[in-house]
Each structure stands twice: as structure tokens, then as C-alpha cells.
Amino acid sequence: MKPKKSSSLELVTLCCRALDGKKAEALRVLDVSELSTITDYLVIATGGSEPHLRALRVELEKAVDAAKTHILGMDTAQESGWLVVDLFDVMVHIFLPAQREHYGLERLWKDAAELPVAKLLAPPKPAAKRRAATAKPAATAAKPRATAAKPRAKKPKK
């Protein structure tokens, strides 16, 4: 049974934050749910070197383990310049720059909708602030009527 779309999107956000935290470059997220029967999202990132790729993979594994999500598979062939982590509804691809250009996953999945990574990386709004921002303003207390000062009648002089 497939998890709900919202939990998949939460996993995408988790992956993006983990990769961004370790300085992944050119982070992109493609929604392939309408195009693929294998997965719903592709997270694509670039690392600067083989050691950087390993550091990105390790950080991703830690984040996924902390979220108690199961990693279905991982292809981490040494010196290939391309790591793949299968999280069922989310597939994470981490490349060296030359391999990313060569394989061109973005070109291959050009019909996929791209999710804005900046929005995924934005810190979540606290619940109280979110409620306050969406709550309707309360009716203002009735203000006392301003009464114009009546001119005093002059007393007749005696």
C-alpha cells in the first residue's frame, strides 16, 4: 500500500534539508507521479567530489533513519560519480557534475512538474503564528461615541 502523497512530500522535504545542510549543489525536485509507476518524486543533487558524495549519502541516511523511514535500496558503486537512494515514493540521485550532465535526468523527465526547492527548505511556520495569520480579526470593542462639546448657554447677566 502506498503512503499518502503528503507523507511523500514530507520525505522529499526531509531529503532536501539533509542534502542542503551538507552543501549539495543544484538541488532539484521533480514530481513524476503522473509519469512513473515506480516513484512519485525525484530528488537530484550534485556533489563536488567523491568524498562529498559520500558525505551527502551519509547525511541523507542519518536523516532518513531518524525519521524512521526504510531505505529500500542503495546503489553506491565506488568511483561511479552517481549515487542512488531508493525510498519507494522518493528516489534520490546524487551526481558529480560531469555525470549529472551526461545522464541528464532533468532532460529525461522534462515533462515532470518541478517543485520549488526554496519553498521546501523554508523553515516551517510555528502553529500559533500560522493560526494567527489565518484567523479572522475579532470584532473591535464598541468605541464610545465622541460627542461634540455643546456650547454652554450663557447665564443672563443680572
C-alpha atoms as a PDB file:
ATOM      1  CA  MET A   1       0.000   0.000   0.000  1.00  0.00           C
ATOM      2  CA  LYS A   2       1.386   3.389  -0.999  1.00  0.00           C
ATOM      3  CA  PRO A   3       1.774   6.072   1.666  1.00  0.00           C
ATOM      4  CA  LYS A   4      -0.238   9.253   1.283  1.00  0.00           C
ATOM      5  CA  LYS A   5       1.088  11.953  -1.031  1.00  0.00           C
ATOM      6  CA  SER A   6       1.596  14.323   1.914  1.00  0.00           C
ATOM      7  CA  SER A   7       3.936  11.871   3.668  1.00  0.00           C
ATOM      8  CA  SER A   8       5.902  11.524   0.428  1.00  0.00           C
ATOM      9  CA  LEU A   9       6.221  15.284   0.230  1.00  0.00           C
ATOM     10  CA  GLU A  10       7.401  15.374   3.859  1.00  0.00           C
ATOM     11  CA  LEU A  11      10.069  12.827   2.934  1.00  0.00           C
ATOM     12  CA  VAL A  12      11.117  14.973  -0.044  1.00  0.00           C
ATOM     13  CA  THR A  13      11.439  17.952   2.302  1.00  0.00           C
ATOM     14  CA  LEU A  14      13.498  15.889   4.751  1.00  0.00           C
ATOM     15  CA  CYS A  15      15.850  14.773   1.960  1.00  0.00           C
ATOM     16  CA  CYS A  16      16.248  18.295   0.600  1.00  0.00           C
ATOM     17  CA  ARG A  17      17.063  19.715   4.019  1.00  0.00           C
ATOM     18  CA  ALA A  18      19.614  16.971   4.709  1.00  0.00           C
ATOM     19  CA  LEU A  19      21.330  17.470   1.351  1.00  0.00           C
ATOM     20  CA  ASP A  20      21.236  21.252   1.595  1.00  0.00           C
ATOM     21  CA  GLY A  21      22.711  21.032   5.097  1.00  0.00           C
ATOM     22  CA  LYS A  22      25.770  19.300   3.633  1.00  0.00           C
ATOM     23  CA  LYS A  23      26.082  21.852   0.803  1.00  0.00           C
ATOM     24  CA  ALA A  24      24.647  19.848  -2.089  1.00  0.00           C
ATOM     25  CA  GLU A  25      24.606  21.921  -5.254  1.00  0.00           C
ATOM     26  CA  ALA A  26      21.922  22.413  -7.916  1.00  0.00           C
ATOM     27  CA  LEU A  27      19.225  20.716  -5.845  1.00  0.00           C
ATOM     28  CA  ARG A  28      16.067  19.986  -7.855  1.00  0.00           C
ATOM     29  CA  VAL A  29      12.862  18.078  -7.143  1.00  0.00           C
ATOM     30  CA  LEU A  30      10.713  16.614  -9.908  1.00  0.00           C
ATOM     31  CA  ASP A  31       7.173  15.347  -9.354  1.00  0.00           C
ATOM     32  CA  VAL A  32       6.971  12.290 -11.618  1.00  0.00           C
ATOM     33  CA  SER A  33       3.861  10.804 -10.000  1.00  0.00           C
ATOM     34  CA  GLU A  34       1.814  11.247 -13.193  1.00  0.00           C
ATOM     35  CA  LEU A  35       4.601   9.873 -15.395  1.00  0.00           C
ATOM     36  CA  SER A  36       6.050   6.954 -13.437  1.00  0.00           C
ATOM     37  CA  THR A  37       4.674   3.826 -11.836  1.00  0.00           C
ATOM     38  CA  ILE A  38       7.890   3.343  -9.868  1.00  0.00           C
ATOM     39  CA  THR A  39       8.143   6.510  -7.777  1.00  0.00           C
ATOM     40  CA  ASP A  40       6.474   9.854  -7.151  1.00  0.00           C
ATOM     41  CA  TYR A  41       9.425  12.214  -6.706  1.00  0.00           C
ATOM     42  CA  LEU A  42      12.999  12.509  -7.917  1.00  0.00           C
ATOM     43  CA  VAL A  43      15.417  14.490  -5.807  1.00  0.00           C
ATOM     44  CA  ILE A  44      18.502  15.382  -7.833  1.00  0.00           C
ATOM     45  CA  ALA A  45      21.639  16.951  -6.381  1.00  0.00           C
ATOM     46  CA  THR A  46      25.283  17.492  -7.252  1.00  0.00           C
ATOM     47  CA  GLY A  47      28.333  16.968  -5.065  1.00  0.00           C
ATOM     48  CA  GLY A  48      31.746  18.435  -5.779  1.00  0.00           C
ATOM     49  CA  SER A  49      33.837  15.278  -5.322  1.00  0.00           C
ATOM     50  CA  GLU A  50      33.620  11.580  -4.420  1.00  0.00           C
ATOM     51  CA  PRO A  51      34.170  12.343  -0.702  1.00  0.00           C
ATOM     52  CA  HIS A  52      31.425  14.985  -0.908  1.00  0.00           C
ATOM     53  CA  LEU A  53      29.074  12.423  -2.492  1.00  0.00           C
ATOM     54  CA  ARG A  54      29.754  10.040   0.386  1.00  0.00           C
ATOM     55  CA  ALA A  55      29.160  12.797   2.954  1.00  0.00           C
ATOM     56  CA  LEU A  56      25.847  13.659   1.273  1.00  0.00           C
ATOM     57  CA  ARG A  57      24.811   9.983   1.299  1.00  0.00           C
ATOM     58  CA  VAL A  58      25.731   9.538   4.961  1.00  0.00           C
ATOM     59  CA  GLU A  59      23.810  12.682   5.959  1.00  0.00           C
ATOM     60  CA  LEU A  60      20.809  11.512   3.953  1.00  0.00           C
ATOM     61  CA  GLU A  61      20.927   8.088   5.637  1.00  0.00           C
ATOM     62  CA  LYS A  62      21.067   9.697   9.092  1.00  0.00           C
ATOM     63  CA  ALA A  63      18.065  11.923   8.358  1.00  0.00           C
ATOM     64  CA  VAL A  64      16.028   9.048   6.911  1.00  0.00           C
ATOM     65  CA  ASP A  65      16.906   6.755   9.826  1.00  0.00           C
ATOM     66  CA  ALA A  66      15.984   9.476  12.339  1.00  0.00           C
ATOM     67  CA  ALA A  67      12.589   9.788  10.626  1.00  0.00           C
ATOM     68  CA  LYS A  68      12.172   6.004  10.950  1.00  0.00           C
ATOM     69  CA  THR A  69      11.812   5.606   7.191  1.00  0.00           C
ATOM     70  CA  HIS A  70      13.005   2.464   5.491  1.00  0.00           C
ATOM     71  CA  ILE A  71      15.619   2.657   2.732  1.00  0.00           C
ATOM     72  CA  LEU A  72      14.628   0.086   0.109  1.00  0.00           C
ATOM     73  CA  GLY A  73      17.879   0.115  -1.784  1.00  0.00           C
ATOM     74  CA  MET A  74      21.050   1.994  -2.465  1.00  0.00           C
ATOM     75  CA  ASP A  75      23.451   1.947  -5.363  1.00  0.00           C
ATOM     76  CA  THR A  76      26.752   3.401  -4.267  1.00  0.00           C
ATOM     77  CA  ALA A  77      29.221   1.937  -6.725  1.00  0.00           C
ATOM     78  CA  GLN A  78      32.620   3.344  -5.872  1.00  0.00           C
ATOM     79  CA  GLU A  79      34.027   5.941  -8.227  1.00  0.00           C
ATOM     80  CA  SER A  80      30.915   5.958 -10.453  1.00  0.00           C
ATOM     81  CA  GLY A  81      30.072   9.577  -9.694  1.00  0.00           C
ATOM     82  CA  TRP A  82      26.392   8.681  -9.182  1.00  0.00           C
ATOM     83  CA  LEU A  83      24.639   7.544  -6.002  1.00  0.00           C
ATOM     84  CA  VAL A  84      21.002   6.428  -5.916  1.00  0.00           C
ATOM     85  CA  VAL A  85      18.931   6.027  -2.754  1.00  0.00           C
ATOM     86  CA  ASP A  86      15.517   4.360  -3.149  1.00  0.00           C
ATOM     87  CA  LEU A  87      12.936   5.448  -0.564  1.00  0.00           C
ATOM     88  CA  PHE A  88       9.987   3.960  -2.523  1.00  0.00           C
ATOM     89  CA  ASP A  89       7.977   7.113  -3.309  1.00  0.00           C
ATOM     90  CA  VAL A  90      11.155   9.189  -3.412  1.00  0.00           C
ATOM     91  CA  MET A  91      14.303   8.409  -5.401  1.00  0.00           C
ATOM     92  CA  VAL A  92      17.381  10.461  -4.565  1.00  0.00           C
ATOM     93  CA  HIS A  93      20.106  10.830  -7.209  1.00  0.00           C
ATOM     94  CA  ILE A  94      23.398  12.452  -6.226  1.00  0.00           C
ATOM     95  CA  PHE A  95      25.880  13.090  -9.020  1.00  0.00           C
ATOM     96  CA  LEU A  96      29.266  14.535  -9.729  1.00  0.00           C
ATOM     97  CA  PRO A  97      28.849  17.433 -12.201  1.00  0.00           C
ATOM     98  CA  ALA A  98      30.077  15.522 -15.289  1.00  0.00           C
ATOM     99  CA  GLN A  99      27.824  12.522 -14.625  1.00  0.00           C
ATOM    100  CA  ARG A 100      24.803  14.727 -13.988  1.00  0.00           C
ATOM    101  CA  GLU A 101      25.314  16.456 -17.302  1.00  0.00           C
ATOM    102  CA  HIS A 102      25.949  13.162 -19.112  1.00  0.00           C
ATOM    103  CA  TYR A 103      22.871  11.315 -17.814  1.00  0.00           C
ATOM    104  CA  GLY A 104      20.595  14.374 -17.876  1.00  0.00           C
ATOM    105  CA  LEU A 105      17.747  13.178 -15.667  1.00  0.00           C
ATOM    106  CA  GLU A 106      16.176  16.622 -15.940  1.00  0.00           C
ATOM    107  CA  ARG A 107      16.044  16.214 -19.737  1.00  0.00           C
ATOM    108  CA  LEU A 108      14.766  12.661 -19.458  1.00  0.00           C
ATOM    109  CA  TRP A 109      11.932  13.767 -17.153  1.00  0.00           C
ATOM    110  CA  LYS A 110      11.338  17.128 -18.855  1.00  0.00           C
ATOM    111  CA  ASP A 111       7.538  16.650 -18.668  1.00  0.00           C
ATOM    112  CA  ALA A 112       7.622  16.360 -14.873  1.00  0.00           C
ATOM    113  CA  ALA A 113       6.472  19.226 -12.690  1.00  0.00           C
ATOM    114  CA  GLU A 114       9.297  20.838 -10.747  1.00  0.00           C
ATOM    115  CA  LEU A 115       8.766  21.669  -7.091  1.00  0.00           C
ATOM    116  CA  PRO A 116      10.321  24.894  -5.764  1.00  0.00           C
ATOM    117  CA  VAL A 117      13.230  23.805  -3.578  1.00  0.00           C
ATOM    118  CA  ALA A 118      13.366  27.171  -1.783  1.00  0.00           C
ATOM    119  CA  LYS A 119       9.825  26.584  -0.525  1.00  0.00           C
ATOM    120  CA  LEU A 120      10.755  23.073   0.660  1.00  0.00           C
ATOM    121  CA  LEU A 121      13.805  24.401   2.502  1.00  0.00           C
ATOM    122  CA  ALA A 122      11.924  27.239   4.200  1.00  0.00           C
ATOM    123  CA  PRO A 123      11.538  26.646   7.921  1.00  0.00           C
ATOM    124  CA  PRO A 124       8.038  25.580   8.908  1.00  0.00           C
ATOM    125  CA  LYS A 125       5.882  28.294  10.398  1.00  0.00           C
ATOM    126  CA  PRO A 126       5.050  27.790  14.068  1.00  0.00           C
ATOM    127  CA  ALA A 127       1.469  26.635  14.572  1.00  0.00           C
ATOM    128  CA  ALA A 128       0.486  29.634  16.714  1.00  0.00           C
ATOM    129  CA  LYS A 129       1.685  32.119  14.123  1.00  0.00           C
ATOM    130  CA  ARG A 130       0.011  30.170  11.347  1.00  0.00           C
ATOM    131  CA  ARG A 131      -3.310  30.234  13.190  1.00  0.00           C
ATOM    132  CA  ALA A 132      -2.940  33.912  14.000  1.00  0.00           C
ATOM    133  CA  ALA A 133      -2.203  34.736  10.382  1.00  0.00           C
ATOM    134  CA  THR A 134      -5.249  32.872   9.119  1.00  0.00           C
ATOM    135  CA  ALA A 135      -7.655  33.817  11.908  1.00  0.00           C
ATOM    136  CA  LYS A 136     -10.276  36.420  11.179  1.00  0.00           C
ATOM    137  CA  PRO A 137      -9.840  39.620  13.141  1.00  0.00           C
ATOM    138  CA  ALA A 138     -12.024  39.802  16.210  1.00  0.00           C
ATOM    139  CA  ALA A 139     -14.761  42.402  16.303  1.00  0.00           C
ATOM    140  CA  THR A 140     -13.406  45.555  17.771  1.00  0.00           C
ATOM    141  CA  ALA A 141     -14.868  46.760  21.014  1.00  0.00           C
ATOM    142  CA  ALA A 142     -17.505  49.410  20.644  1.00  0.00           C
ATOM    143  CA  LYS A 143     -15.872  52.761  20.911  1.00  0.00           C
ATOM    144  CA  PRO A 144     -17.643  55.357  22.966  1.00  0.00           C
ATOM    145  CA  ARG A 145     -19.270  57.921  20.789  1.00  0.00           C
ATOM    146  CA  ALA A 146     -17.449  61.091  20.533  1.00  0.00           C
ATOM    147  CA  THR A 147     -19.890  63.734  21.497  1.00  0.00           C
ATOM    148  CA  ALA A 148     -19.340  67.199  20.334  1.00  0.00           C
ATOM    149  CA  ALA A 149     -18.933  69.572  23.176  1.00  0.00           C
ATOM    150  CA  LYS A 150     -22.104  71.591  23.430  1.00  0.00           C
ATOM    151  CA  PRO A 151     -21.533  75.233  23.890  1.00  0.00           C
ATOM    152  CA  ARG A 152     -22.680  76.262  27.316  1.00  0.00           C
ATOM    153  CA  ALA A 153     -25.531  78.579  27.443  1.00  0.00           C
ATOM    154  CA  LYS A 154     -24.533  81.860  28.876  1.00  0.00           C
ATOM    155  CA  LYS A 155     -26.293  82.807  32.008  1.00  0.00           C
ATOM    156  CA  PRO A 156     -28.107  86.035  31.692  1.00  0.00           C
ATOM    157  CA  LYS A 157     -26.370  88.812  33.499  1.00  0.00           C
ATOM    158  CA  LYS A 158     -28.236  90.423  36.240  1.00  0.00           C
END
